[in-house]
Amino acid sequence: MLLSSAFLIPAVVVIVIILATTSIKILREYERAVVFTLGRFEKVKGPGLVILIPFIQEMVRVDLRVQVIEIPSQDVISRDNVSMKVDAVLYFRVVDPERAIIQVQHFLPATDMLAQTTLRAVLGQHELDEMLSERKKLSVDVQGILDAQTETWGIKVSNVEIRTVELTENMVRAIAKQAEAERDRRAKVIHAEAEFQASQTLVNAAKILGSIPAAMQLRYLQTLAEIGAEQNSTVIFPMPIDLVKPFLDLLDTAGKGTGVNGDTRLPVAGNVSHLA
């Protein structure tokens, strides 16, 4: 009798411990328990102490924290037929534990596979230049599509970040040549605009100097002062026409007067000859 009780007490203790471990669960603040009774969903419990009926109830733990998935490098062909490799990072969390367990089998790999296919589909609709310059916008587009598709699974996709867009060496060289040609074009355009502005300024200055003769003379004197400051031994400069124009007018007038006197003497000589 004593021998049987000696074996019975440890057996009871072991059974109690087993029942306690299977029926008493402690959930952390970020965990929830999806409880099933005889295979049927009952409710979501937690956090804290959760008591289950042994052999009748069971539970599935669900982590509500933001989870990070690294989307492996995907082979993508852009709309302009450029091959590349693109990888990204996906951030999501479970907002409805019931649907995350009941509506999809293993929501974590399912979300990963959906993110890969969505990334290839979205990027394939855009050209290479858009992928390189509008990466943030494309990430938002992928995030919106994933969020809409995983809503029925009780999953909220908070962010998608496209990390790298890897191109072939030939494409990298082609892009470098294109960028260099674009820089040369901009440099030529800027130089042409500068030449146009300079010529336009010179035209305006010439109009002002031409309309005011005194301004031309002041500019001429200023140029002489600048030349004299250089301490050159020999200076050759043109004489402005405005300074010598009065003298030319006097010579022209004198020449016309001489021509009139000559015409007057000719008839007198003719008369003298006729009288002889």
Protein backbone atom coordinates (compact mmCIF):
# COMPACT_ATOMS: atom_id res chain seq x y z
CA MET A 1 0.00 0.00 0.00
CA LEU A 2 2.79 2.35 0.90
CA LEU A 3 4.60 1.33 -2.27
CA SER A 4 1.62 2.11 -4.48
CA SER A 5 1.06 5.50 -2.85
CA ALA A 6 4.75 6.29 -3.31
CA PHE A 7 4.34 5.79 -7.06
CA LEU A 8 0.91 7.45 -7.20
CA ILE A 9 1.87 10.81 -5.72
CA PRO A 10 4.69 11.53 -8.21
CA ALA A 11 2.44 10.46 -11.07
CA VAL A 12 -0.29 12.84 -9.91
CA VAL A 13 2.25 15.64 -9.57
CA VAL A 14 3.54 15.03 -13.11
CA ILE A 15 0.00 15.00 -14.49
CA VAL A 16 -0.82 18.24 -12.70
CA ILE A 17 2.31 19.87 -14.05
CA ILE A 18 1.49 18.73 -17.59
CA LEU A 19 -2.08 19.98 -17.31
CA ALA A 20 -0.88 23.29 -15.89
CA THR A 21 1.61 23.83 -18.70
CA THR A 22 -0.99 23.03 -21.34
CA SER A 23 -3.82 25.03 -19.81
CA ILE A 24 -2.07 28.10 -18.39
CA LYS A 25 -0.38 30.46 -20.85
CA ILE A 26 1.16 33.88 -20.28
CA LEU A 27 1.16 36.31 -23.21
CA ARG A 28 3.32 39.39 -23.50
CA GLU A 29 1.94 42.82 -24.26
CA TYR A 30 2.61 42.50 -27.99
CA GLU A 31 1.14 38.97 -28.26
CA ARG A 32 -2.40 37.71 -28.78
CA ALA A 33 -3.87 34.21 -28.57
CA VAL A 34 -6.34 32.96 -31.18
CA VAL A 35 -8.29 30.34 -29.16
CA PHE A 36 -10.04 27.35 -30.77
CA THR A 37 -12.52 25.12 -28.92
CA LEU A 38 -12.77 21.68 -30.47
CA GLY A 39 -11.43 23.15 -33.68
CA ARG A 40 -13.86 26.08 -33.84
CA PHE A 41 -12.76 29.65 -33.37
CA GLU A 42 -13.84 31.04 -30.01
CA LYS A 43 -12.13 34.41 -29.50
CA VAL A 44 -8.88 36.31 -29.29
CA LYS A 45 -7.36 36.52 -25.82
CA GLY A 46 -4.48 38.33 -24.21
CA PRO A 47 -2.23 39.82 -23.21
CA GLY A 48 -1.59 38.44 -19.75
CA LEU A 49 -2.83 35.14 -18.27
CA VAL A 50 -4.79 32.84 -20.56
CA ILE A 51 -6.38 29.65 -19.20
CA LEU A 52 -7.30 26.87 -21.62
CA ILE A 53 -9.35 23.73 -21.08
CA PRO A 54 -6.92 20.85 -21.55
CA PHE A 55 -7.50 18.62 -24.60
CA ILE A 56 -10.49 20.77 -25.61
CA GLN A 57 -9.03 24.17 -26.32
CA GLU A 58 -5.88 25.18 -28.12
CA MET A 59 -4.40 28.49 -29.13
CA VAL A 60 -2.12 30.06 -31.72
CA ARG A 61 0.21 32.90 -30.75
CA VAL A 62 0.28 35.97 -32.97
CA ASP A 63 2.93 38.68 -32.76
CA LEU A 64 1.49 42.20 -33.26
CA ARG A 65 4.83 43.97 -33.64
CA VAL A 66 6.03 45.40 -36.94
CA GLN A 67 7.82 42.69 -38.86
CA VAL A 68 10.52 43.25 -41.46
CA ILE A 69 10.93 41.14 -44.60
CA GLU A 70 13.84 41.55 -46.97
CA ILE A 71 12.52 41.00 -50.47
CA PRO A 72 15.29 39.17 -52.36
CA SER A 73 16.70 40.56 -55.59
CA GLN A 74 14.14 40.32 -58.38
CA ASP A 75 14.79 40.23 -62.13
CA VAL A 76 12.75 43.08 -63.59
CA ILE A 77 12.32 44.22 -67.20
CA SER A 78 11.25 47.83 -67.47
CA ARG A 79 8.76 49.19 -69.97
CA ASP A 80 11.64 50.34 -72.22
CA ASN A 81 13.10 46.77 -72.21
CA VAL A 82 15.96 47.31 -69.75
CA SER A 83 16.93 44.32 -67.58
CA MET A 84 17.86 44.95 -63.97
CA LYS A 85 17.82 43.49 -60.48
CA VAL A 86 15.77 45.19 -57.76
CA ASP A 87 15.51 44.39 -54.06
CA ALA A 88 13.38 45.99 -51.35
CA VAL A 89 12.40 45.89 -47.69
CA LEU A 90 8.83 45.33 -46.50
CA TYR A 91 7.41 46.51 -43.16
CA PHE A 92 4.06 45.13 -41.98
CA ARG A 93 2.16 44.10 -38.85
CA VAL A 94 -0.87 42.03 -37.92
CA VAL A 95 -3.90 44.14 -37.02
CA ASP A 96 -6.49 41.34 -36.91
CA PRO A 97 -5.12 38.10 -35.41
CA GLU A 98 -8.30 36.18 -36.20
CA ARG A 99 -8.10 36.76 -39.95
CA ALA A 100 -4.32 36.40 -40.00
CA ILE A 101 -4.70 32.82 -38.73
CA ILE A 102 -7.99 31.78 -40.35
CA GLN A 103 -7.94 33.51 -43.74
CA VAL A 104 -4.43 32.54 -44.87
CA GLN A 105 -2.06 29.70 -44.16
CA HIS A 106 1.25 31.01 -42.79
CA PHE A 107 0.71 34.72 -43.39
CA LEU A 108 4.43 35.53 -43.19
CA PRO A 109 5.62 33.59 -46.30
CA ALA A 110 2.38 34.46 -48.07
CA THR A 111 3.06 38.17 -47.60
CA ASP A 112 6.65 37.68 -48.74
CA MET A 113 5.65 35.95 -51.99
CA LEU A 114 2.95 38.54 -52.67
CA ALA A 115 5.48 41.34 -52.18
CA GLN A 116 7.87 39.79 -54.70
CA THR A 117 5.25 39.43 -57.44
CA THR A 118 3.82 42.90 -56.79
CA LEU A 119 7.28 44.48 -56.95
CA ARG A 120 7.98 42.92 -60.35
CA ALA A 121 4.55 43.86 -61.69
CA VAL A 122 4.68 47.49 -60.60
CA LEU A 123 8.24 48.19 -61.71
CA GLY A 124 7.65 46.50 -65.06
CA GLN A 125 5.11 49.22 -65.90
CA HIS A 126 7.66 52.05 -65.64
CA GLU A 127 10.72 53.09 -67.60
CA LEU A 128 14.26 53.05 -66.29
CA ASP A 129 14.46 56.81 -65.77
CA GLU A 130 11.37 56.70 -63.57
CA MET A 131 12.83 53.89 -61.46
CA LEU A 132 16.01 55.87 -60.87
CA SER A 133 14.48 59.30 -60.26
CA GLU A 134 11.10 58.45 -58.69
CA ARG A 135 12.02 55.58 -56.39
CA LYS A 136 9.99 57.00 -53.50
CA LYS A 137 6.85 57.24 -55.61
CA LEU A 138 7.23 53.66 -56.83
CA SER A 139 7.68 52.47 -53.25
CA VAL A 140 4.42 54.16 -52.30
CA ASP A 141 2.65 52.49 -55.25
CA VAL A 142 3.90 49.04 -54.22
CA GLN A 143 2.91 49.69 -50.60
CA GLY A 144 -0.63 50.73 -51.61
CA ILE A 145 -1.18 47.63 -53.75
CA LEU A 146 0.15 45.28 -51.06
CA ASP A 147 -1.90 46.95 -48.35
CA ALA A 148 -5.09 46.56 -50.37
CA GLN A 149 -4.44 42.86 -51.09
CA THR A 150 -3.40 41.88 -47.55
CA GLU A 151 -6.28 43.70 -45.86
CA THR A 152 -8.41 40.56 -46.04
CA TRP A 153 -5.64 38.72 -44.16
CA GLY A 154 -5.75 41.19 -41.27
CA ILE A 155 -2.31 42.57 -42.21
CA LYS A 156 -1.35 46.22 -42.53
CA VAL A 157 1.60 47.02 -44.82
CA SER A 158 3.09 50.18 -43.37
CA ASN A 159 6.01 50.79 -45.70
CA VAL A 160 7.97 49.45 -48.68
CA GLU A 161 11.47 50.70 -49.43
CA ILE A 162 13.16 49.94 -52.76
CA ARG A 163 16.82 49.67 -51.78
CA THR A 164 18.90 49.10 -54.90
CA VAL A 165 18.41 49.03 -58.64
CA GLU A 166 21.31 47.05 -60.10
CA LEU A 167 22.05 47.48 -63.81
CA THR A 168 24.38 45.67 -66.17
CA GLU A 169 27.79 47.18 -66.97
CA ASN A 170 26.76 48.04 -70.53
CA MET A 171 23.71 49.91 -69.28
CA VAL A 172 25.78 51.77 -66.68
CA ARG A 173 28.17 52.96 -69.39
CA ALA A 174 25.27 54.00 -71.60
CA ILE A 175 23.72 56.02 -68.79
CA ALA A 176 27.08 57.68 -68.09
CA LYS A 177 27.41 58.69 -71.75
CA GLN A 178 23.88 60.02 -71.75
CA ALA A 179 24.55 62.08 -68.62
CA GLU A 180 27.76 63.46 -70.12
CA ALA A 181 25.97 64.43 -73.33
CA GLU A 182 23.25 66.13 -71.30
CA ARG A 183 25.85 68.13 -69.36
CA ASP A 184 27.52 69.22 -72.63
CA ARG A 185 24.17 70.29 -74.04
CA ARG A 186 23.38 72.36 -70.97
CA ALA A 187 26.83 73.97 -71.07
CA LYS A 188 26.36 74.97 -74.72
CA VAL A 189 22.90 76.34 -74.05
CA ILE A 190 24.15 78.39 -71.11
CA HIS A 191 27.07 79.72 -73.19
CA ALA A 192 24.72 80.68 -76.04
CA GLU A 193 22.36 82.44 -73.62
CA ALA A 194 25.31 84.36 -72.15
CA GLU A 195 26.47 85.43 -75.62
CA PHE A 196 22.94 86.57 -76.48
CA GLN A 197 22.62 88.59 -73.29
CA ALA A 198 26.07 90.16 -73.83
CA SER A 199 25.26 91.11 -77.43
CA GLN A 200 21.89 92.51 -76.40
CA THR A 201 23.58 94.63 -73.75
CA LEU A 202 26.11 95.93 -76.29
CA VAL A 203 23.30 96.82 -78.70
CA ASN A 204 21.50 98.76 -75.99
CA ALA A 205 24.72 100.56 -75.04
CA ALA A 206 25.39 101.45 -78.68
CA LYS A 207 21.90 102.88 -79.04
CA ILE A 208 22.37 105.05 -75.97
CA LEU A 209 25.81 106.29 -77.06
CA GLY A 210 24.59 106.93 -80.59
CA SER A 211 21.61 108.99 -79.45
CA ILE A 212 23.70 111.20 -77.15
CA PRO A 213 26.99 112.44 -78.78
CA ALA A 214 28.24 113.80 -75.46
CA ALA A 215 28.08 110.30 -73.99
CA MET A 216 30.31 109.03 -76.80
CA GLN A 217 32.87 111.74 -76.09
CA LEU A 218 32.83 110.95 -72.35
CA ARG A 219 33.35 107.29 -73.12
CA TYR A 220 36.22 108.19 -75.42
CA LEU A 221 37.89 110.29 -72.74
CA GLN A 222 37.42 107.51 -70.19
CA THR A 223 39.13 105.08 -72.57
CA LEU A 224 42.05 107.48 -72.98
CA ALA A 225 42.39 107.72 -69.20
CA GLU A 226 42.45 103.94 -68.88
CA ILE A 227 45.07 103.63 -71.60
CA GLY A 228 47.21 106.33 -70.01
CA ALA A 229 47.15 104.51 -66.67
CA GLU A 230 48.86 101.49 -68.23
CA GLN A 231 52.14 103.48 -68.74
CA ASN A 232 52.62 102.46 -72.34
CA SER A 233 55.42 104.15 -74.30
CA THR A 234 53.37 104.40 -77.49
CA VAL A 235 49.61 104.83 -77.72
CA ILE A 236 47.70 104.71 -81.00
CA PHE A 237 44.04 105.58 -80.82
CA PRO A 238 41.45 106.63 -83.40
CA MET A 239 40.22 110.20 -83.59
CA PRO A 240 36.45 110.34 -83.04
CA ILE A 241 34.58 111.87 -85.93
CA ASP A 242 32.59 114.12 -83.61
CA LEU A 243 35.75 116.03 -82.66
CA VAL A 244 36.91 116.75 -86.23
CA LYS A 245 33.49 117.18 -87.79
CA PRO A 246 33.45 121.00 -87.31
CA PHE A 247 36.80 121.27 -89.09
CA LEU A 248 35.55 119.13 -91.95
CA ASP A 249 32.49 121.35 -92.27
CA LEU A 250 34.72 124.43 -92.52
CA LEU A 251 36.88 122.84 -95.22
CA ASP A 252 33.82 121.80 -97.14
CA THR A 253 32.42 125.31 -97.00
CA ALA A 254 35.74 126.82 -98.13
CA GLY A 255 35.94 124.43 -101.05
CA LYS A 256 32.49 125.35 -102.23
CA GLY A 257 33.39 129.07 -102.05
CA THR A 258 36.46 128.59 -104.27
CA GLY A 259 34.43 126.81 -106.85
CA VAL A 260 32.00 129.74 -107.13
CA ASN A 261 34.82 132.32 -107.70
CA GLY A 262 36.35 130.22 -110.43
CA ASP A 263 33.02 130.07 -112.23
CA THR A 264 32.79 133.87 -111.99
CA ARG A 265 36.21 134.46 -113.58
CA LEU A 266 35.56 132.25 -116.56
CA PRO A 267 32.89 134.48 -118.15
CA VAL A 268 35.16 137.52 -117.70
CA ALA A 269 37.98 135.83 -119.59
CA GLY A 270 35.54 134.97 -122.34
CA ASN A 271 34.42 138.57 -122.63
CA VAL A 272 37.99 139.80 -122.84
CA SER A 273 38.77 137.39 -125.64
CA HIS A 274 35.65 138.44 -127.51
CA LEU A 275 36.62 142.10 -127.31
CA ALA A 276 40.06 141.39 -128.68
